[in-house]
Amino acid sequence: MAAPRSGSGGRTWLVVIVVVIIAGAALFAGYRTQRRPEKPGETETAQLWTCPMHPQIIRSEPGTCPICAMPLEPVARSAEGTAKAAAGETHKGIEGHGVVHIDPDHQQLIGVVTAVAERRSLDRVIRTVGTVTVDESRVSDVHTKVEGWVEDLFANQTGRLVRQGQPLLTIYSPELVSAQEEYLVALRARERTKESPFAEVRRSGETMVAAARRRLELWDITDADIARLEKTGQTKKALTLHAPSTGHVMEKMVVEGMRVMPEMILYRLADLSRVWVDVTIYEFEAPLVQTGQRAELTLQSQPGAKLQGRVTYIYPTVESMTRTLRARLEFANPDLMLKPAMYGDVQILVPVAEQLAIPEQSVIDTGTRKVVFVVVDEGTFMPREVTVGPRAAGYYPVLSGLEEGDRVVSSANFLIDSESRFQAAIEAMAKGAPAGEHAGH
């Protein structure tokens, strides 16, 4: 009877020893899980746990994700620094947005594209409609300085091109005939007195000739006509008026046989080799427009052709009803493609100094602020508020919020924004609650 009891006690001690060994191994394994040296000689750090679907969830012990209720997994040491950074960025993010993690396969699936914030020259384009008008500095009126009647009308059609010096019409004027006769009398008087022994008499003859000639010149009698009058001694009953400049006859207010007076406009000529284009600019765009800026004009009648011009004048007042500002552009028109009263599409090119810029697709306008998603590392996108200037050439100039070299999402950012808002909302609901309390949501 004693032997069995002795054997039973031995087995009992053996079981106890096995249990102690197993427990020690478990404690040792737990110790190694909780504290693992990174390198020889370094202090061991605590193991972190994260959700594979929501890497912004970082815990110091196992559990479930408060967002999706999935079991938390140990964080690999190589990714631990990234997880801490993501967790830190979540706390330093902007209100209403959370950090988003998307693996490369899903990025390709939803079409994620990124762009680098870099300095570039941005030309802003102001688009408007222009009306072709005559260059007022190239308009001339034809008058007569004597009273008379039209005898011959050479330029007898509106729209006709005339060259400088070309005859336009002839006018019979009794006053002109009298002036020529007075000049001939003065010439004969000077001839009679030029041999006088008295200097005063000789000067008197010269003075009469000069006065009579001056009167003819004031009536636009040419030097050639005066020379002919001196040579032949024959007066002309008609005065020929010549074109003062090259241009088209825009208005003709005279016909043959018509009596004309000095105050009347007989012709209005315009040189159309250079024209103006009047445009209207919205009030908020007015500060961007300056004289000297380049402009492009396209016409419906000439598709594909772009005419180059410049801003030459900005009117000093704003239209009170339309809140627009008028500006004047100048275009060369050697082939007369531009005709007065034509309409055309105008683009004024506003040069902007080189500055930090990102594609316009990268910016999400929430109504109260502008948000972009910055690539923190491979697969992690952090929301960031930015301040941008007026859009130009498909880009926004960045005034604050980004540094040169930052990489931002430029495609599929609205999908990322939706996930960011969703995560922020879930985290706000679960804030301060135990890990498992909202596991079912």
Foldseek 3Di string as FASTA:
>chain_A
DVVVVVVVVVVVVVVVVVVVVVVVVVVVVVVCQQFPAPDPPHGTHGWWWADPQDLLDIDRDWAAFLQARHTTDTDDPVCPVVSVVQVVLQVVADALFHKFFDAPVVCVVLVWDKDFWAWDWFKFKFKWKWFWAFDPVQKDFDFFAAWFFWAFADPDDAFDWDAFFAWGTKTFGPVQQVLLLQLLVLVVLLVVQCPPPDPVSNVVSVVSNVVSVVVCVVRVDDPVNNVVCVVPVDGDRMDIDGHNHTFGFNDADDDHGDIHHRVDTGTMGGHVQKIKIKTKAAQVCVVQDDWFFKKWKDAPVDPPDIFIWTWHAWDPDADPPRNITMTMIMGGRRPVPRDGRGMIMMMTIRIDDIATKDFPLQWDCPPVFTWWWWDPDNRITGIWTWDWDDDGPRITGTPDTDDGGIMTTRPPVVVVRVVRSVVSVSCVVCPPPPRCPSNPD
